[in-house]
């Protein structure tokens, strides 16, 4: 049996998914770590919050696996996962059991919610999060620490760089390239390639600014 520790006690849907994941008997979700000290020692929708990163080493010693369920922004998600890996943590998978993942390649640390759709020949990097109702159509390739908000739609054969944030109900047309650490606003319709670090919004999506990025790799 694989034991999981989840990072980030914020969304009650995570606790509901944890109960669904454990029905197979192959995974046990032990509880949460969260760096918000006000949550330490409390319960989060039926699961204990053991503490923050000060408890990381003792859980690593027990050979558990860790999954980051923080979805606030991709930089926070990436940085906190990088910190866990630097400390020696091993990433697991936190995937709703109802998903069809035949012919899909997943990197470690995947957080995939119920009702997400990943079609054939999709490839995800490490530490990716795909929300309910998001669709990744055939042959899309995602880098590390990518986040798709609810209802986001990648239409097929799209290349997505590390750290990209795709907002709720955004649509990216087929065969485009989205550069690393780009942000696609909610409801945007992307009809052309997006440069690295660009923030785009609207229909059709236009660049509204650039955000500096210099995040390190998850290879530690």
C-alpha atoms as a PDB file:
ATOM      1  CA  UNK A   1       0.000   0.000   0.000  1.00  0.00           C
ATOM      2  CA  UNK A   2       1.235   3.493  -0.899  1.00  0.00           C
ATOM      3  CA  UNK A   3       0.900   6.147   1.805  1.00  0.00           C
ATOM      4  CA  UNK A   4       0.354   9.719   0.620  1.00  0.00           C
ATOM      5  CA  UNK A   5       0.880  13.060   2.320  1.00  0.00           C
ATOM      6  CA  UNK A   6      -0.850  15.978   0.586  1.00  0.00           C
ATOM      7  CA  UNK A   7       0.591  19.493   0.674  1.00  0.00           C
ATOM      8  CA  UNK A   8      -1.983  22.257   1.127  1.00  0.00           C
ATOM      9  CA  UNK A   9      -5.116  21.875   3.277  1.00  0.00           C
ATOM     10  CA  UNK A  10      -7.320  24.366   1.444  1.00  0.00           C
ATOM     11  CA  UNK A  11      -9.901  22.807  -0.866  1.00  0.00           C
ATOM     12  CA  UNK A  12     -12.570  20.471   0.590  1.00  0.00           C
ATOM     13  CA  UNK A  13     -12.766  18.719  -2.790  1.00  0.00           C
ATOM     14  CA  UNK A  14      -9.270  17.362  -2.092  1.00  0.00           C
ATOM     15  CA  UNK A  15     -10.560  15.579   1.011  1.00  0.00           C
ATOM     16  CA  UNK A  16     -13.483  14.128  -0.938  1.00  0.00           C
ATOM     17  CA  UNK A  17     -11.120  12.901  -3.653  1.00  0.00           C
ATOM     18  CA  UNK A  18      -8.851  11.397  -0.974  1.00  0.00           C
ATOM     19  CA  UNK A  19     -11.734   9.253   0.268  1.00  0.00           C
ATOM     20  CA  UNK A  20     -12.489   8.157  -3.302  1.00  0.00           C
ATOM     21  CA  UNK A  21      -8.827   7.301  -3.935  1.00  0.00           C
ATOM     22  CA  UNK A  22      -8.672   5.126  -0.821  1.00  0.00           C
ATOM     23  CA  UNK A  23     -11.582   2.900  -1.881  1.00  0.00           C
ATOM     24  CA  UNK A  24      -9.197   0.754  -3.948  1.00  0.00           C
ATOM     25  CA  UNK A  25      -7.299  -0.270  -0.833  1.00  0.00           C
ATOM     26  CA  UNK A  26      -3.996   0.423  -2.614  1.00  0.00           C
ATOM     27  CA  UNK A  27      -3.508   4.012  -1.406  1.00  0.00           C
ATOM     28  CA  UNK A  28      -3.830   5.509   2.052  1.00  0.00           C
ATOM     29  CA  UNK A  29      -3.963   9.291   2.409  1.00  0.00           C
ATOM     30  CA  UNK A  30      -2.402   9.838   5.823  1.00  0.00           C
ATOM     31  CA  UNK A  31      -3.171  13.554   5.992  1.00  0.00           C
ATOM     32  CA  UNK A  32      -1.842  16.988   5.108  1.00  0.00           C
ATOM     33  CA  UNK A  33       1.125  19.260   5.569  1.00  0.00           C
ATOM     34  CA  UNK A  34       0.459  22.999   5.426  1.00  0.00           C
ATOM     35  CA  UNK A  35       2.778  25.879   6.287  1.00  0.00           C
ATOM     36  CA  UNK A  36      -0.104  27.889   7.766  1.00  0.00           C
ATOM     37  CA  UNK A  37       0.515  27.422  11.498  1.00  0.00           C
ATOM     38  CA  UNK A  38      -3.132  28.146  12.343  1.00  0.00           C
ATOM     39  CA  UNK A  39      -4.048  24.785  10.774  1.00  0.00           C
ATOM     40  CA  UNK A  40      -1.478  22.676  12.618  1.00  0.00           C
ATOM     41  CA  UNK A  41      -2.948  19.980  14.828  1.00  0.00           C
ATOM     42  CA  UNK A  42      -6.425  20.510  13.409  1.00  0.00           C
ATOM     43  CA  UNK A  43      -8.516  18.334  11.121  1.00  0.00           C
ATOM     44  CA  UNK A  44      -9.307  19.282   7.540  1.00  0.00           C
ATOM     45  CA  UNK A  45     -12.566  17.635   6.456  1.00  0.00           C
ATOM     46  CA  UNK A  46     -11.711  14.460   8.321  1.00  0.00           C
ATOM     47  CA  UNK A  47      -7.948  14.374   7.691  1.00  0.00           C
ATOM     48  CA  UNK A  48      -5.237  15.515  10.132  1.00  0.00           C
ATOM     49  CA  UNK A  49      -2.981  18.485   9.390  1.00  0.00           C
ATOM     50  CA  UNK A  50       0.302  17.335  10.888  1.00  0.00           C
ATOM     51  CA  UNK A  51       2.189  20.602  10.536  1.00  0.00           C
ATOM     52  CA  UNK A  52       4.317  22.305   7.913  1.00  0.00           C
ATOM     53  CA  UNK A  53       7.716  21.752   6.381  1.00  0.00           C
ATOM     54  CA  UNK A  54       9.226  21.407   9.863  1.00  0.00           C
ATOM     55  CA  UNK A  55       7.640  17.920   9.859  1.00  0.00           C
ATOM     56  CA  UNK A  56       8.843  17.040   6.365  1.00  0.00           C
ATOM     57  CA  UNK A  57      11.957  15.075   7.320  1.00  0.00           C
ATOM     58  CA  UNK A  58      10.145  12.688   9.654  1.00  0.00           C
ATOM     59  CA  UNK A  59       7.583  11.811   6.993  1.00  0.00           C
ATOM     60  CA  UNK A  60      10.330  11.363   4.394  1.00  0.00           C
ATOM     61  CA  UNK A  61      11.972   8.881   6.773  1.00  0.00           C
ATOM     62  CA  UNK A  62       8.727   6.847   6.778  1.00  0.00           C
ATOM     63  CA  UNK A  63       8.971   6.422   2.992  1.00  0.00           C
ATOM     64  CA  UNK A  64       5.652   8.058   2.168  1.00  0.00           C
ATOM     65  CA  UNK A  65       4.926   9.770  -1.147  1.00  0.00           C
ATOM     66  CA  UNK A  66       3.986  13.440  -1.452  1.00  0.00           C
ATOM     67  CA  UNK A  67       1.614  15.267  -3.794  1.00  0.00           C
ATOM     68  CA  UNK A  68       1.230  19.030  -3.941  1.00  0.00           C
ATOM     69  CA  UNK A  69      -2.446  20.044  -4.138  1.00  0.00           C
ATOM     70  CA  UNK A  70      -1.781  23.799  -4.001  1.00  0.00           C
ATOM     71  CA  UNK A  71      -3.421  25.429  -7.040  1.00  0.00           C
ATOM     72  CA  UNK A  72      -3.200  29.119  -6.118  1.00  0.00           C
ATOM     73  CA  UNK A  73      -0.566  29.821  -8.775  1.00  0.00           C
ATOM     74  CA  UNK A  74       2.038  27.790 -10.620  1.00  0.00           C
ATOM     75  CA  UNK A  75       5.032  29.548  -9.066  1.00  0.00           C
ATOM     76  CA  UNK A  76       3.942  28.669  -5.521  1.00  0.00           C
ATOM     77  CA  UNK A  77       3.157  25.141  -6.629  1.00  0.00           C
ATOM     78  CA  UNK A  78       6.536  24.774  -8.334  1.00  0.00           C
ATOM     79  CA  UNK A  79       8.586  26.319  -5.526  1.00  0.00           C
ATOM     80  CA  UNK A  80       6.974  24.278  -2.748  1.00  0.00           C
ATOM     81  CA  UNK A  81       7.380  21.040  -4.685  1.00  0.00           C
ATOM     82  CA  UNK A  82      10.996  21.920  -5.427  1.00  0.00           C
ATOM     83  CA  UNK A  83      11.545  22.481  -1.689  1.00  0.00           C
ATOM     84  CA  UNK A  84      10.131  19.030  -0.908  1.00  0.00           C
ATOM     85  CA  UNK A  85      12.306  17.368  -3.528  1.00  0.00           C
ATOM     86  CA  UNK A  86      15.397  19.179  -2.270  1.00  0.00           C
ATOM     87  CA  UNK A  87      14.667  17.774   1.197  1.00  0.00           C
ATOM     88  CA  UNK A  88      14.556  14.249  -0.233  1.00  0.00           C
ATOM     89  CA  UNK A  89      10.807  13.752  -0.713  1.00  0.00           C
ATOM     90  CA  UNK A  90       9.479  11.365  -3.362  1.00  0.00           C
ATOM     91  CA  UNK A  91       6.444  12.363  -5.389  1.00  0.00           C
ATOM     92  CA  UNK A  92       3.359  10.162  -5.672  1.00  0.00           C
ATOM     93  CA  UNK A  93       0.166  10.417  -7.706  1.00  0.00           C
ATOM     94  CA  UNK A  94      -3.204  11.796  -6.585  1.00  0.00           C
ATOM     95  CA  UNK A  95      -5.638  10.875  -9.328  1.00  0.00           C
ATOM     96  CA  UNK A  96      -9.392  10.436  -9.141  1.00  0.00           C
ATOM     97  CA  UNK A  97     -10.143   6.760  -9.795  1.00  0.00           C
ATOM     98  CA  UNK A  98     -12.903   7.529 -12.319  1.00  0.00           C
ATOM     99  CA  UNK A  99     -10.456   8.913 -14.919  1.00  0.00           C
ATOM    100  CA  UNK A 100      -9.575   6.986 -18.066  1.00  0.00           C
ATOM    101  CA  UNK A 101      -5.800   7.276 -18.448  1.00  0.00           C
ATOM    102  CA  UNK A 102      -5.225   4.636 -21.105  1.00  0.00           C
ATOM    103  CA  UNK A 103      -2.418   5.685 -23.480  1.00  0.00           C
ATOM    104  CA  UNK A 104      -1.555   8.706 -21.303  1.00  0.00           C
ATOM    105  CA  UNK A 105       1.919   9.384 -19.887  1.00  0.00           C
ATOM    106  CA  UNK A 106       2.045  11.029 -16.466  1.00  0.00           C
ATOM    107  CA  UNK A 107       4.976  12.550 -14.632  1.00  0.00           C
ATOM    108  CA  UNK A 108       5.188  12.067 -10.870  1.00  0.00           C
ATOM    109  CA  UNK A 109       3.217  14.360  -8.599  1.00  0.00           C
ATOM    110  CA  UNK A 110       0.089  14.515 -10.766  1.00  0.00           C
ATOM    111  CA  UNK A 111      -3.073  15.928  -9.184  1.00  0.00           C
ATOM    112  CA  UNK A 112      -5.991  15.101 -11.490  1.00  0.00           C
ATOM    113  CA  UNK A 113      -9.549  15.870 -10.411  1.00  0.00           C
ATOM    114  CA  UNK A 114     -12.761  14.041 -11.215  1.00  0.00           C
ATOM    115  CA  UNK A 115     -14.266  14.820 -14.662  1.00  0.00           C
ATOM    116  CA  UNK A 116     -10.947  15.875 -16.184  1.00  0.00           C
ATOM    117  CA  UNK A 117     -10.418  14.381 -19.655  1.00  0.00           C
ATOM    118  CA  UNK A 118      -6.999  13.343 -20.948  1.00  0.00           C
ATOM    119  CA  UNK A 119      -7.092  11.854 -24.429  1.00  0.00           C
ATOM    120  CA  UNK A 120      -4.736   9.383 -26.100  1.00  0.00           C
ATOM    121  CA  UNK A 121      -1.030  10.237 -26.408  1.00  0.00           C
ATOM    122  CA  UNK A 122      -1.229  13.102 -23.917  1.00  0.00           C
ATOM    123  CA  UNK A 123       1.997  13.569 -21.947  1.00  0.00           C
ATOM    124  CA  UNK A 124       2.230  15.420 -18.648  1.00  0.00           C
ATOM    125  CA  UNK A 125       5.399  16.500 -16.895  1.00  0.00           C
ATOM    126  CA  UNK A 126       5.909  16.360 -13.139  1.00  0.00           C
ATOM    127  CA  UNK A 127       3.817  18.238 -10.572  1.00  0.00           C
ATOM    128  CA  UNK A 128       0.932  19.024 -12.945  1.00  0.00           C
ATOM    129  CA  UNK A 129      -2.620  19.757 -11.809  1.00  0.00           C
ATOM    130  CA  UNK A 130      -5.709  19.308 -13.992  1.00  0.00           C
ATOM    131  CA  UNK A 131      -9.023  20.529 -12.582  1.00  0.00           C
ATOM    132  CA  UNK A 132     -12.549  19.199 -12.966  1.00  0.00           C
ATOM    133  CA  UNK A 133     -13.947  19.677 -16.470  1.00  0.00           C
ATOM    134  CA  UNK A 134     -10.599  20.512 -18.047  1.00  0.00           C
ATOM    135  CA  UNK A 135      -9.880  18.766 -21.352  1.00  0.00           C
ATOM    136  CA  UNK A 136      -6.464  17.885 -22.732  1.00  0.00           C
ATOM    137  CA  UNK A 137      -7.073  16.585 -26.215  1.00  0.00           C
ATOM    138  CA  UNK A 138      -4.949  14.110 -28.145  1.00  0.00           C
ATOM    139  CA  UNK A 139      -1.170  14.435 -28.411  1.00  0.00           C
ATOM    140  CA  UNK A 140      -0.732  17.469 -26.175  1.00  0.00           C
ATOM    141  CA  UNK A 141       2.576  17.639 -24.331  1.00  0.00           C
ATOM    142  CA  UNK A 142       2.813  19.531 -21.017  1.00  0.00           C
ATOM    143  CA  UNK A 143       5.932  20.478 -19.081  1.00  0.00           C
ATOM    144  CA  UNK A 144       6.421  20.473 -15.315  1.00  0.00           C
ATOM    145  CA  UNK A 145       4.203  22.370 -12.833  1.00  0.00           C
ATOM    146  CA  UNK A 146       1.451  23.180 -15.338  1.00  0.00           C
ATOM    147  CA  UNK A 147      -2.019  24.030 -13.982  1.00  0.00           C
ATOM    148  CA  UNK A 148      -5.310  23.792 -15.875  1.00  0.00           C
ATOM    149  CA  UNK A 149      -8.267  25.479 -14.175  1.00  0.00           C
ATOM    150  CA  UNK A 150     -11.845  24.126 -14.408  1.00  0.00           C
ATOM    151  CA  UNK A 151     -13.126  23.894 -17.961  1.00  0.00           C
ATOM    152  CA  UNK A 152      -9.846  24.765 -19.681  1.00  0.00           C
ATOM    153  CA  UNK A 153      -9.547  23.158 -23.110  1.00  0.00           C
ATOM    154  CA  UNK A 154      -6.333  22.306 -24.956  1.00  0.00           C
ATOM    155  CA  UNK A 155      -7.549  21.342 -28.423  1.00  0.00           C
ATOM    156  CA  UNK A 156      -4.878  18.904 -29.567  1.00  0.00           C
ATOM    157  CA  UNK A 157      -1.172  18.638 -30.479  1.00  0.00           C
ATOM    158  CA  UNK A 158      -0.294  21.611 -28.257  1.00  0.00           C
ATOM    159  CA  UNK A 159       3.108  22.078 -26.614  1.00  0.00           C
ATOM    160  CA  UNK A 160       2.907  23.659 -23.155  1.00  0.00           C
ATOM    161  CA  UNK A 161       6.050  24.786 -21.329  1.00  0.00           C
ATOM    162  CA  UNK A 162       6.887  24.503 -17.644  1.00  0.00           C
ATOM    163  CA  UNK A 163       4.818  26.501 -15.167  1.00  0.00           C
ATOM    164  CA  UNK A 164       2.030  27.541 -17.524  1.00  0.00           C
ATOM    165  CA  UNK A 165      -1.288  28.585 -15.941  1.00  0.00           C
ATOM    166  CA  UNK A 166      -4.413  28.060 -18.086  1.00  0.00           C
ATOM    167  CA  UNK A 167      -7.436  29.866 -16.642  1.00  0.00           C
ATOM    168  CA  UNK A 168     -10.999  28.628 -16.281  1.00  0.00           C
ATOM    169  CA  UNK A 169     -12.803  27.937 -19.571  1.00  0.00           C
ATOM    170  CA  UNK A 170      -9.856  29.161 -21.659  1.00  0.00           C
ATOM    171  CA  UNK A 171      -9.466  27.534 -25.079  1.00  0.00           C
ATOM    172  CA  UNK A 172      -6.165  26.947 -26.875  1.00  0.00           C
ATOM    173  CA  UNK A 173      -6.513  26.044 -30.550  1.00  0.00           C
ATOM    174  CA  UNK A 174      -4.653  23.045 -31.990  1.00  0.00           C
ATOM    175  CA  UNK A 175      -0.931  22.826 -32.771  1.00  0.00           C
ATOM    176  CA  UNK A 176       0.088  25.939 -30.850  1.00  0.00           C
ATOM    177  CA  UNK A 177       3.072  26.423 -28.523  1.00  0.00           C
ATOM    178  CA  UNK A 178       2.657  28.008 -25.100  1.00  0.00           C
ATOM    179  CA  UNK A 179       5.965  29.224 -23.665  1.00  0.00           C
ATOM    180  CA  UNK A 180       7.190  28.508 -20.143  1.00  0.00           C
ATOM    181  CA  UNK A 181       5.541  30.439 -17.285  1.00  0.00           C
ATOM    182  CA  UNK A 182       2.927  32.004 -19.543  1.00  0.00           C
ATOM    183  CA  UNK A 183      -0.498  32.802 -18.066  1.00  0.00           C
ATOM    184  CA  UNK A 184      -3.709  32.385 -20.070  1.00  0.00           C
ATOM    185  CA  UNK A 185      -6.605  34.308 -18.568  1.00  0.00           C
ATOM    186  CA  UNK A 186     -10.024  32.853 -17.833  1.00  0.00           C
ATOM    187  CA  UNK A 187     -12.195  32.593 -20.928  1.00  0.00           C
ATOM    188  CA  UNK A 188      -9.368  33.501 -23.310  1.00  0.00           C
ATOM    189  CA  UNK A 189      -9.340  32.044 -26.822  1.00  0.00           C
ATOM    190  CA  UNK A 190      -5.746  31.505 -27.897  1.00  0.00           C
ATOM    191  CA  UNK A 191      -5.304  31.450 -31.687  1.00  0.00           C
ATOM    192  CA  UNK A 192      -1.524  31.915 -31.949  1.00  0.00           C
ATOM    193  CA  UNK A 193       1.634  30.887 -30.104  1.00  0.00           C
ATOM    194  CA  UNK A 194       2.198  32.495 -26.688  1.00  0.00           C
ATOM    195  CA  UNK A 195       5.746  33.608 -25.766  1.00  0.00           C
ATOM    196  CA  UNK A 196       7.388  32.552 -22.507  1.00  0.00           C
ATOM    197  CA  UNK A 197       6.338  34.687 -19.538  1.00  0.00           C
ATOM    198  CA  UNK A 198       3.474  36.376 -21.394  1.00  0.00           C
ATOM    199  CA  UNK A 199       0.087  37.053 -19.795  1.00  0.00           C
ATOM    200  CA  UNK A 200      -2.691  36.829 -22.391  1.00  0.00           C
ATOM    201  CA  UNK A 201      -6.426  37.492 -22.150  1.00  0.00           C
ATOM    202  CA  UNK A 202      -9.468  38.081 -24.336  1.00  0.00           C
ATOM    203  CA  UNK A 203     -11.017  36.663 -27.501  1.00  0.00           C
ATOM    204  CA  UNK A 204      -8.849  36.475 -29.476  1.00  0.00           C
ATOM    205  CA  UNK A 205      -6.208  36.402 -26.743  1.00  0.00           C
ATOM    206  CA  UNK A 206      -3.714  39.276 -26.739  1.00  0.00           C
ATOM    207  CA  UNK A 207      -0.588  39.873 -24.703  1.00  0.00           C
ATOM    208  CA  UNK A 208      -1.288  42.334 -21.905  1.00  0.00           C
ATOM    209  CA  UNK A 209       2.056  42.135 -20.079  1.00  0.00           C
ATOM    210  CA  UNK A 210       5.049  39.974 -19.316  1.00  0.00           C
ATOM    211  CA  UNK A 211       5.946  38.504 -15.928  1.00  0.00           C
ATOM    212  CA  UNK A 212       9.629  37.855 -15.159  1.00  0.00           C
ATOM    213  CA  UNK A 213      10.472  34.246 -14.421  1.00  0.00           C
ATOM    214  CA  UNK A 214      13.652  32.479 -13.338  1.00  0.00           C
ATOM    215  CA  UNK A 215      12.357  29.390 -11.517  1.00  0.00           C
ATOM    216  CA  UNK A 216      14.761  26.474 -11.138  1.00  0.00           C
ATOM    217  CA  UNK A 217      14.122  23.009 -12.477  1.00  0.00           C
ATOM    218  CA  UNK A 218      12.541  20.218 -10.434  1.00  0.00           C
ATOM    219  CA  UNK A 219      15.744  18.268 -11.081  1.00  0.00           C
ATOM    220  CA  UNK A 220      17.469  18.570  -7.708  1.00  0.00           C
END
